[in-house]
């Protein structure tokens, strides 16, 4: 209902693999419901959040005979599938600076990202930590961002983002 959420998994040892960022009015757990099995992921509130939790048994009663709710559930799953496919297909066509700024935009609160995890960010962007720091320095030098330790301030958004 309110806030930003990061969903991730630790498939590769201690490294996080970000699955998605969620914003208000998104449904979580629909894949698990449809497959009728648990998928172990981590859910982290990036900002203060208000969520509504419904037990699987209660949801099953709610959806039984409720075509509109079932249709919403299917639209949610297909929307996530479509957006994931679009993201994967177009992801590497975008300039790295744009991908970095989009990532920061997802994490930011009032154009500020605190306690940034550079290794996690590099893994998500599929680049080396060293290359990420080089591009962040360039963005810092050009006044797009300002870095202070593990805090990044977004000073201006380029027009194409």
N, C-alpha and C. Protein backbone atom coordinates (compact mmCIF):
# COMPACT_ATOMS: atom_id res chain seq x y z
N UNK A 1 0.83 -1.20 0.00
CA UNK A 1 0.00 0.00 0.00
C UNK A 1 0.88 1.26 0.00
N UNK A 2 2.04 1.14 0.65
CA UNK A 2 2.91 2.31 0.78
C UNK A 2 4.35 1.83 0.91
N UNK A 3 5.29 2.56 0.27
CA UNK A 3 6.71 2.27 0.43
C UNK A 3 7.32 1.55 -0.76
N UNK A 4 8.65 1.30 -0.65
CA UNK A 4 9.40 0.59 -1.68
C UNK A 4 9.98 -0.68 -1.07
N UNK A 5 9.92 -1.77 -1.85
CA UNK A 5 10.39 -3.07 -1.39
C UNK A 5 11.37 -3.63 -2.41
N UNK A 6 12.43 -4.26 -1.91
CA UNK A 6 13.38 -4.97 -2.77
C UNK A 6 13.21 -6.46 -2.51
N UNK A 7 13.06 -7.22 -3.58
CA UNK A 7 12.97 -8.68 -3.47
C UNK A 7 14.24 -9.25 -4.08
N UNK A 8 14.93 -10.08 -3.30
CA UNK A 8 16.20 -10.62 -3.77
C UNK A 8 16.41 -12.01 -3.21
N UNK A 9 17.39 -12.69 -3.79
CA UNK A 9 17.75 -14.02 -3.34
C UNK A 9 19.26 -14.08 -3.19
N UNK A 10 19.73 -14.99 -2.40
CA UNK A 10 21.17 -15.17 -2.20
C UNK A 10 21.60 -16.49 -2.84
N UNK A 11 21.31 -16.65 -4.13
CA UNK A 11 21.65 -17.89 -4.84
C UNK A 11 23.14 -18.14 -4.89
N UNK A 12 23.93 -17.10 -5.01
CA UNK A 12 25.36 -17.25 -5.23
C UNK A 12 26.13 -16.90 -3.97
N UNK A 13 26.11 -17.79 -3.01
CA UNK A 13 26.83 -17.56 -1.77
C UNK A 13 26.26 -16.37 -1.03
N UNK A 14 27.12 -15.42 -0.70
CA UNK A 14 26.70 -14.24 0.03
C UNK A 14 26.22 -13.12 -0.88
N UNK A 15 26.35 -13.29 -2.19
CA UNK A 15 25.96 -12.23 -3.11
C UNK A 15 24.45 -12.23 -3.31
N UNK A 16 23.89 -11.04 -3.32
CA UNK A 16 22.46 -10.90 -3.54
C UNK A 16 22.16 -10.83 -5.03
N UNK A 17 21.09 -11.46 -5.44
CA UNK A 17 20.60 -11.37 -6.81
C UNK A 17 19.23 -10.69 -6.72
N UNK A 18 19.15 -9.47 -7.21
CA UNK A 18 17.89 -8.72 -7.12
C UNK A 18 16.91 -9.27 -8.15
N UNK A 19 15.73 -9.57 -7.69
CA UNK A 19 14.68 -10.08 -8.55
C UNK A 19 13.83 -8.93 -9.07
N UNK A 20 13.39 -8.06 -8.17
CA UNK A 20 12.61 -6.91 -8.58
C UNK A 20 12.50 -5.90 -7.45
N UNK A 21 12.08 -4.69 -7.82
CA UNK A 21 11.72 -3.65 -6.87
C UNK A 21 10.21 -3.50 -6.96
N UNK A 22 9.54 -3.41 -5.83
CA UNK A 22 8.08 -3.27 -5.82
C UNK A 22 7.69 -1.93 -5.21
N UNK A 23 6.64 -1.39 -5.78
CA UNK A 23 6.09 -0.12 -5.32
C UNK A 23 4.63 -0.33 -4.95
N UNK A 24 3.99 0.68 -4.39
CA UNK A 24 2.60 0.51 -3.94
C UNK A 24 1.67 -0.06 -5.01
N UNK A 25 0.74 -0.84 -4.52
CA UNK A 25 -0.33 -1.50 -5.27
C UNK A 25 0.16 -2.63 -6.17
N UNK A 26 1.34 -3.18 -5.87
CA UNK A 26 1.79 -4.38 -6.56
C UNK A 26 1.45 -5.58 -5.69
N UNK A 27 1.22 -6.70 -6.36
CA UNK A 27 0.91 -7.94 -5.66
C UNK A 27 2.19 -8.77 -5.54
N UNK A 28 2.44 -9.29 -4.36
CA UNK A 28 3.59 -10.16 -4.12
C UNK A 28 3.09 -11.56 -3.80
N UNK A 29 3.81 -12.57 -4.25
CA UNK A 29 3.48 -13.94 -3.89
C UNK A 29 2.50 -14.62 -4.82
N UNK A 30 2.16 -13.97 -5.93
CA UNK A 30 1.19 -14.58 -6.85
C UNK A 30 1.75 -15.82 -7.55
N UNK A 31 3.04 -15.82 -7.85
CA UNK A 31 3.66 -16.99 -8.48
C UNK A 31 3.62 -18.17 -7.51
N UNK A 32 3.96 -17.91 -6.27
CA UNK A 32 3.92 -18.96 -5.25
C UNK A 32 2.50 -19.50 -5.09
N UNK A 33 1.52 -18.61 -5.13
CA UNK A 33 0.13 -19.05 -4.98
C UNK A 33 -0.28 -19.95 -6.15
N UNK A 34 0.01 -19.50 -7.37
CA UNK A 34 -0.39 -20.25 -8.55
C UNK A 34 0.32 -21.60 -8.61
N UNK A 35 1.61 -21.62 -8.26
CA UNK A 35 2.35 -22.88 -8.29
C UNK A 35 2.11 -23.73 -7.04
N UNK A 36 1.46 -23.16 -6.06
CA UNK A 36 1.16 -23.83 -4.79
C UNK A 36 2.42 -24.38 -4.12
N UNK A 37 3.47 -23.56 -4.15
CA UNK A 37 4.69 -23.93 -3.43
C UNK A 37 5.41 -22.66 -3.00
N UNK A 38 6.24 -22.82 -2.00
CA UNK A 38 7.00 -21.68 -1.50
C UNK A 38 8.26 -21.49 -2.32
N UNK A 39 8.55 -20.26 -2.63
CA UNK A 39 9.81 -19.90 -3.27
C UNK A 39 10.52 -18.99 -2.28
N UNK A 40 11.68 -19.42 -1.82
CA UNK A 40 12.37 -18.68 -0.79
C UNK A 40 13.13 -17.50 -1.37
N UNK A 41 12.67 -16.31 -1.05
CA UNK A 41 13.33 -15.07 -1.42
C UNK A 41 13.36 -14.17 -0.21
N UNK A 42 14.18 -13.16 -0.28
CA UNK A 42 14.25 -12.17 0.79
C UNK A 42 13.47 -10.93 0.35
N UNK A 43 12.76 -10.34 1.28
CA UNK A 43 12.00 -9.13 1.03
C UNK A 43 12.50 -8.09 2.00
N UNK A 44 12.97 -6.96 1.46
CA UNK A 44 13.54 -5.90 2.30
C UNK A 44 12.80 -4.59 2.04
N UNK A 45 12.33 -3.97 3.10
CA UNK A 45 11.69 -2.67 2.98
C UNK A 45 12.79 -1.61 2.81
N UNK A 46 12.75 -0.91 1.68
CA UNK A 46 13.73 0.15 1.43
C UNK A 46 13.29 1.47 2.05
N UNK A 47 11.99 1.61 2.25
CA UNK A 47 11.40 2.77 2.91
C UNK A 47 10.35 2.23 3.88
N UNK A 48 9.85 3.05 4.78
CA UNK A 48 8.75 2.56 5.63
C UNK A 48 7.59 2.09 4.75
N UNK A 49 7.04 0.92 5.08
CA UNK A 49 6.02 0.29 4.24
C UNK A 49 4.76 -0.06 5.02
N UNK A 50 3.67 -0.04 4.30
CA UNK A 50 2.41 -0.59 4.79
C UNK A 50 1.98 -1.62 3.76
N UNK A 51 1.81 -2.87 4.20
CA UNK A 51 1.42 -3.96 3.30
C UNK A 51 0.21 -4.68 3.88
N UNK A 52 -0.49 -5.37 3.02
CA UNK A 52 -1.62 -6.20 3.44
C UNK A 52 -1.21 -7.65 3.19
N UNK A 53 -1.25 -8.47 4.21
CA UNK A 53 -0.92 -9.88 4.09
C UNK A 53 -2.17 -10.73 4.17
N UNK A 54 -2.29 -11.69 3.27
CA UNK A 54 -3.44 -12.60 3.25
C UNK A 54 -2.91 -14.02 3.26
N UNK A 55 -3.36 -14.82 4.19
CA UNK A 55 -2.95 -16.22 4.25
C UNK A 55 -3.41 -16.94 2.99
N UNK A 56 -2.63 -17.92 2.55
CA UNK A 56 -2.93 -18.67 1.34
C UNK A 56 -4.33 -19.30 1.39
N UNK A 57 -4.68 -19.88 2.52
CA UNK A 57 -5.99 -20.50 2.66
C UNK A 57 -7.10 -19.47 2.52
N UNK A 58 -6.92 -18.30 3.14
CA UNK A 58 -7.92 -17.24 3.05
C UNK A 58 -8.03 -16.72 1.62
N UNK A 59 -6.88 -16.59 0.95
CA UNK A 59 -6.90 -16.10 -0.43
C UNK A 59 -7.62 -17.10 -1.34
N UNK A 60 -7.39 -18.38 -1.07
CA UNK A 60 -8.06 -19.41 -1.87
C UNK A 60 -9.57 -19.29 -1.74
N UNK A 61 -10.07 -19.01 -0.55
CA UNK A 61 -11.51 -18.80 -0.34
C UNK A 61 -11.97 -17.53 -1.06
N UNK A 62 -11.16 -16.47 -1.00
CA UNK A 62 -11.52 -15.20 -1.63
C UNK A 62 -11.61 -15.34 -3.15
N UNK A 63 -10.69 -16.10 -3.73
CA UNK A 63 -10.61 -16.19 -5.19
C UNK A 63 -11.62 -17.19 -5.76
N UNK A 64 -12.05 -18.13 -4.94
CA UNK A 64 -12.99 -19.16 -5.40
C UNK A 64 -14.29 -18.50 -5.89
N UNK A 65 -14.57 -18.67 -7.17
CA UNK A 65 -15.78 -18.10 -7.76
C UNK A 65 -15.70 -16.60 -8.02
N UNK A 66 -14.57 -15.99 -7.74
CA UNK A 66 -14.42 -14.54 -7.94
C UNK A 66 -13.59 -14.32 -9.21
N UNK A 67 -14.27 -14.27 -10.33
CA UNK A 67 -13.59 -14.15 -11.62
C UNK A 67 -12.77 -12.87 -11.73
N UNK A 68 -13.26 -11.79 -11.14
CA UNK A 68 -12.53 -10.51 -11.23
C UNK A 68 -11.20 -10.58 -10.48
N UNK A 69 -11.19 -11.20 -9.31
CA UNK A 69 -9.95 -11.34 -8.54
C UNK A 69 -8.99 -12.29 -9.25
N UNK A 70 -9.52 -13.38 -9.79
CA UNK A 70 -8.69 -14.33 -10.54
C UNK A 70 -8.09 -13.66 -11.77
N UNK A 71 -8.88 -12.85 -12.44
CA UNK A 71 -8.39 -12.11 -13.61
C UNK A 71 -7.29 -11.12 -13.21
N UNK A 72 -7.46 -10.45 -12.08
CA UNK A 72 -6.42 -9.53 -11.58
C UNK A 72 -5.13 -10.28 -11.30
N UNK A 73 -5.25 -11.43 -10.69
CA UNK A 73 -4.07 -12.26 -10.40
C UNK A 73 -3.35 -12.66 -11.69
N UNK A 74 -4.10 -13.09 -12.69
CA UNK A 74 -3.50 -13.48 -13.97
C UNK A 74 -2.88 -12.27 -14.69
N UNK A 75 -3.55 -11.12 -14.63
CA UNK A 75 -2.98 -9.92 -15.25
C UNK A 75 -1.67 -9.52 -14.56
N UNK A 76 -1.61 -9.70 -13.25
CA UNK A 76 -0.40 -9.37 -12.50
C UNK A 76 0.75 -10.27 -12.92
N UNK A 77 0.49 -11.57 -13.00
CA UNK A 77 1.54 -12.52 -13.39
C UNK A 77 2.01 -12.24 -14.81
N UNK A 78 1.08 -12.07 -15.74
CA UNK A 78 1.48 -11.84 -17.13
C UNK A 78 2.16 -10.49 -17.29
N UNK A 79 1.76 -9.50 -16.52
CA UNK A 79 2.41 -8.19 -16.58
C UNK A 79 3.86 -8.29 -16.11
N UNK A 80 4.09 -9.02 -15.03
CA UNK A 80 5.45 -9.21 -14.54
C UNK A 80 6.30 -9.98 -15.54
N UNK A 81 5.71 -11.00 -16.16
CA UNK A 81 6.42 -11.79 -17.16
C UNK A 81 6.78 -10.90 -18.36
N UNK A 82 5.83 -10.12 -18.84
CA UNK A 82 6.07 -9.24 -19.98
C UNK A 82 7.12 -8.19 -19.65
N UNK A 83 7.01 -7.56 -18.48
CA UNK A 83 7.99 -6.52 -18.13
C UNK A 83 9.37 -7.10 -17.92
N UNK A 84 9.45 -8.32 -17.38
CA UNK A 84 10.75 -8.98 -17.21
C UNK A 84 11.38 -9.27 -18.57
N UNK A 85 10.58 -9.78 -19.50
CA UNK A 85 11.10 -10.08 -20.83
C UNK A 85 11.56 -8.80 -21.53
N UNK A 86 10.76 -7.75 -21.44
CA UNK A 86 11.12 -6.47 -22.05
C UNK A 86 12.40 -5.93 -21.43
N UNK A 87 12.49 -6.03 -20.11
CA UNK A 87 13.69 -5.55 -19.40
C UNK A 87 14.93 -6.32 -19.86
N UNK A 88 14.83 -7.62 -19.94
CA UNK A 88 15.97 -8.44 -20.35
C UNK A 88 16.38 -8.12 -21.78
N UNK A 89 15.40 -7.99 -22.68
CA UNK A 89 15.71 -7.74 -24.08
C UNK A 89 16.30 -6.35 -24.33
N UNK A 90 15.85 -5.36 -23.58
CA UNK A 90 16.32 -3.99 -23.83
C UNK A 90 17.44 -3.55 -22.90
N UNK A 91 17.68 -4.33 -21.86
CA UNK A 91 18.60 -3.93 -20.80
C UNK A 91 19.99 -3.55 -21.31
N UNK A 92 20.59 -4.40 -22.09
CA UNK A 92 21.97 -4.15 -22.51
C UNK A 92 22.07 -3.18 -23.68
N UNK A 93 20.95 -2.75 -24.21
CA UNK A 93 20.97 -1.76 -25.27
C UNK A 93 21.07 -0.35 -24.71
N UNK A 94 20.76 -0.18 -23.45
CA UNK A 94 20.82 1.15 -22.82
C UNK A 94 22.25 1.45 -22.39
N UNK A 95 22.63 2.72 -22.45
CA UNK A 95 23.98 3.10 -21.96
C UNK A 95 24.13 2.75 -20.48
N UNK A 96 25.33 2.40 -20.09
CA UNK A 96 25.60 2.01 -18.71
C UNK A 96 25.22 3.11 -17.72
N UNK A 97 25.51 4.36 -18.05
CA UNK A 97 25.17 5.47 -17.15
C UNK A 97 23.66 5.49 -16.88
N UNK A 98 22.87 5.24 -17.92
CA UNK A 98 21.42 5.24 -17.77
C UNK A 98 20.97 4.08 -16.88
N UNK A 99 21.58 2.91 -17.06
CA UNK A 99 21.23 1.76 -16.23
C UNK A 99 21.59 2.02 -14.77
N UNK A 100 22.72 2.64 -14.55
CA UNK A 100 23.14 2.97 -13.17
C UNK A 100 22.17 3.96 -12.54
N UNK A 101 21.80 5.00 -13.28
CA UNK A 101 20.88 6.00 -12.74
C UNK A 101 19.49 5.42 -12.50
N UNK A 102 19.05 4.52 -13.36
CA UNK A 102 17.76 3.86 -13.14
C UNK A 102 17.80 3.01 -11.87
N UNK A 103 18.91 2.33 -11.64
CA UNK A 103 19.08 1.53 -10.43
C UNK A 103 19.03 2.44 -9.20
N UNK A 104 19.76 3.54 -9.26
CA UNK A 104 19.77 4.49 -8.14
C UNK A 104 18.38 5.08 -7.91
N UNK A 105 17.67 5.33 -9.00
CA UNK A 105 16.32 5.88 -8.91
C UNK A 105 15.41 4.93 -8.14
N UNK A 106 15.54 3.63 -8.40
CA UNK A 106 14.72 2.63 -7.70
C UNK A 106 15.01 2.63 -6.20
N UNK A 107 16.26 2.82 -5.83
CA UNK A 107 16.65 2.76 -4.42
C UNK A 107 16.48 4.09 -3.67
N UNK A 108 16.37 5.18 -4.42
CA UNK A 108 16.44 6.50 -3.80
C UNK A 108 15.19 6.86 -3.01
N UNK A 109 15.44 7.66 -2.01
CA UNK A 109 14.37 8.29 -1.24
C UNK A 109 14.76 9.75 -1.15
N UNK A 110 13.95 10.60 -1.77
CA UNK A 110 14.27 12.04 -1.86
C UNK A 110 15.62 12.26 -2.53
N UNK A 111 15.86 11.53 -3.63
CA UNK A 111 17.10 11.64 -4.41
C UNK A 111 18.36 11.33 -3.59
N UNK A 112 18.21 10.46 -2.62
CA UNK A 112 19.34 10.08 -1.77
C UNK A 112 19.31 8.57 -1.58
N UNK A 113 20.47 7.94 -1.79
CA UNK A 113 20.61 6.50 -1.56
C UNK A 113 21.66 6.32 -0.48
N UNK A 114 21.23 5.77 0.64
CA UNK A 114 22.16 5.56 1.75
C UNK A 114 22.59 4.10 1.81
N UNK A 115 23.77 3.89 2.35
CA UNK A 115 24.31 2.55 2.57
C UNK A 115 24.29 1.71 1.29
N UNK A 116 24.71 2.31 0.20
CA UNK A 116 24.73 1.62 -1.09
C UNK A 116 25.70 0.44 -1.03
N UNK A 117 25.30 -0.66 -1.58
CA UNK A 117 26.15 -1.85 -1.64
C UNK A 117 26.69 -1.94 -3.06
N UNK A 118 27.92 -1.49 -3.25
CA UNK A 118 28.51 -1.42 -4.58
C UNK A 118 28.63 -2.78 -5.26
N UNK A 119 28.97 -3.80 -4.50
CA UNK A 119 29.12 -5.14 -5.09
C UNK A 119 27.76 -5.65 -5.55
N UNK A 120 26.71 -5.42 -4.75
CA UNK A 120 25.35 -5.82 -5.13
C UNK A 120 24.93 -5.07 -6.40
N UNK A 121 25.22 -3.78 -6.43
CA UNK A 121 24.87 -2.95 -7.59
C UNK A 121 25.59 -3.44 -8.84
N UNK A 122 26.87 -3.71 -8.72
CA UNK A 122 27.66 -4.20 -9.86
C UNK A 122 27.12 -5.54 -10.34
N UNK A 123 26.75 -6.41 -9.42
CA UNK A 123 26.19 -7.71 -9.80
C UNK A 123 24.88 -7.55 -10.55
N UNK A 124 24.03 -6.66 -10.08
CA UNK A 124 22.75 -6.42 -10.74
C UNK A 124 22.96 -5.87 -12.16
N UNK A 125 23.96 -5.00 -12.31
CA UNK A 125 24.25 -4.38 -13.61
C UNK A 125 25.11 -5.27 -14.51
N UNK A 126 25.59 -6.38 -13.95
CA UNK A 126 26.44 -7.32 -14.69
C UNK A 126 27.75 -6.68 -15.17
N UNK A 127 28.35 -5.90 -14.27
CA UNK A 127 29.65 -5.28 -14.55
C UNK A 127 30.54 -5.50 -13.34
N UNK A 128 31.82 -5.23 -13.49
CA UNK A 128 32.73 -5.38 -12.36
C UNK A 128 32.57 -4.22 -11.39
N UNK A 129 32.91 -4.48 -10.14
CA UNK A 129 32.87 -3.45 -9.12
C UNK A 129 33.79 -2.29 -9.51
N UNK A 130 34.94 -2.62 -10.06
CA UNK A 130 35.91 -1.60 -10.48
C UNK A 130 35.33 -0.69 -11.57
N UNK A 131 34.68 -1.29 -12.56
CA UNK A 131 34.08 -0.50 -13.64
C UNK A 131 32.93 0.36 -13.12
N UNK A 132 32.13 -0.19 -12.21
CA UNK A 132 31.04 0.57 -11.61
C UNK A 132 31.59 1.82 -10.92
N UNK A 133 32.63 1.65 -10.12
CA UNK A 133 33.20 2.79 -9.40
C UNK A 133 33.76 3.84 -10.36
N UNK A 134 34.29 3.39 -11.48
CA UNK A 134 34.82 4.31 -12.49
C UNK A 134 33.69 5.16 -13.10
N UNK A 135 32.58 4.51 -13.43
CA UNK A 135 31.44 5.23 -14.01
C UNK A 135 30.79 6.13 -12.96
N UNK A 136 30.70 5.68 -11.72
CA UNK A 136 30.15 6.53 -10.66
C UNK A 136 31.01 7.77 -10.45
N UNK A 137 32.33 7.60 -10.55
CA UNK A 137 33.23 8.76 -10.43
C UNK A 137 32.98 9.74 -11.56
N UNK A 138 32.77 9.22 -12.77
CA UNK A 138 32.48 10.08 -13.92
C UNK A 138 31.18 10.86 -13.69
N UNK A 139 30.14 10.16 -13.19
CA UNK A 139 28.87 10.82 -12.91
C UNK A 139 29.02 11.85 -11.80
N UNK A 140 29.89 11.56 -10.85
CA UNK A 140 30.18 12.50 -9.76
C UNK A 140 30.93 13.72 -10.31
N UNK A 141 31.93 13.48 -11.15
CA UNK A 141 32.73 14.57 -11.72
C UNK A 141 31.90 15.49 -12.62
N UNK A 142 30.88 14.93 -13.27
CA UNK A 142 30.05 15.74 -14.18
C UNK A 142 28.85 16.38 -13.47
N UNK A 143 28.72 16.14 -12.17
CA UNK A 143 27.67 16.79 -11.39
C UNK A 143 26.30 16.14 -11.46
N UNK A 144 26.23 14.92 -11.99
CA UNK A 144 24.95 14.22 -12.04
C UNK A 144 24.62 13.65 -10.67
N UNK A 145 25.64 13.13 -9.98
CA UNK A 145 25.49 12.62 -8.63
C UNK A 145 26.58 13.23 -7.75
N UNK A 146 26.41 13.04 -6.46
CA UNK A 146 27.45 13.41 -5.51
C UNK A 146 27.62 12.24 -4.56
N UNK A 147 28.84 11.73 -4.46
CA UNK A 147 29.13 10.58 -3.60
C UNK A 147 29.77 11.05 -2.32
N UNK A 148 29.34 10.45 -1.22
CA UNK A 148 29.95 10.69 0.07
C UNK A 148 29.94 9.37 0.83
N UNK A 149 31.06 8.64 0.72
CA UNK A 149 31.13 7.32 1.35
C UNK A 149 30.14 6.37 0.70
N UNK A 150 29.25 5.80 1.51
CA UNK A 150 28.24 4.87 0.98
C UNK A 150 26.90 5.57 0.73
N UNK A 151 26.93 6.89 0.64
CA UNK A 151 25.72 7.66 0.33
C UNK A 151 25.90 8.33 -1.02
N UNK A 152 24.87 8.23 -1.85
CA UNK A 152 24.88 8.87 -3.16
C UNK A 152 23.69 9.81 -3.24
N UNK A 153 23.97 11.05 -3.62
CA UNK A 153 22.93 12.05 -3.83
C UNK A 153 22.75 12.22 -5.33
N UNK A 154 21.53 12.12 -5.79
CA UNK A 154 21.24 12.32 -7.20
C UNK A 154 20.93 13.81 -7.38
N UNK A 155 21.79 14.51 -8.10
CA UNK A 155 21.68 15.96 -8.23
C UNK A 155 20.80 16.37 -9.40
N UNK A 156 20.87 15.61 -10.49
CA UNK A 156 20.01 15.92 -11.63
C UNK A 156 19.76 14.66 -12.43
N UNK A 157 18.60 14.60 -13.03
CA UNK A 157 18.22 13.48 -13.87
C UNK A 157 18.39 13.89 -15.31
N UNK A 158 19.17 13.15 -16.08
CA UNK A 158 19.24 13.44 -17.52
C UNK A 158 17.86 13.31 -18.15
N UNK A 159 17.62 14.01 -19.23
CA UNK A 159 16.30 14.04 -19.87
C UNK A 159 15.80 12.68 -20.34
N UNK A 160 16.72 11.78 -20.66
CA UNK A 160 16.30 10.49 -21.22
C UNK A 160 15.94 9.46 -20.17
N UNK A 161 15.93 9.83 -18.90
CA UNK A 161 15.61 8.85 -17.84
C UNK A 161 14.29 9.20 -17.18
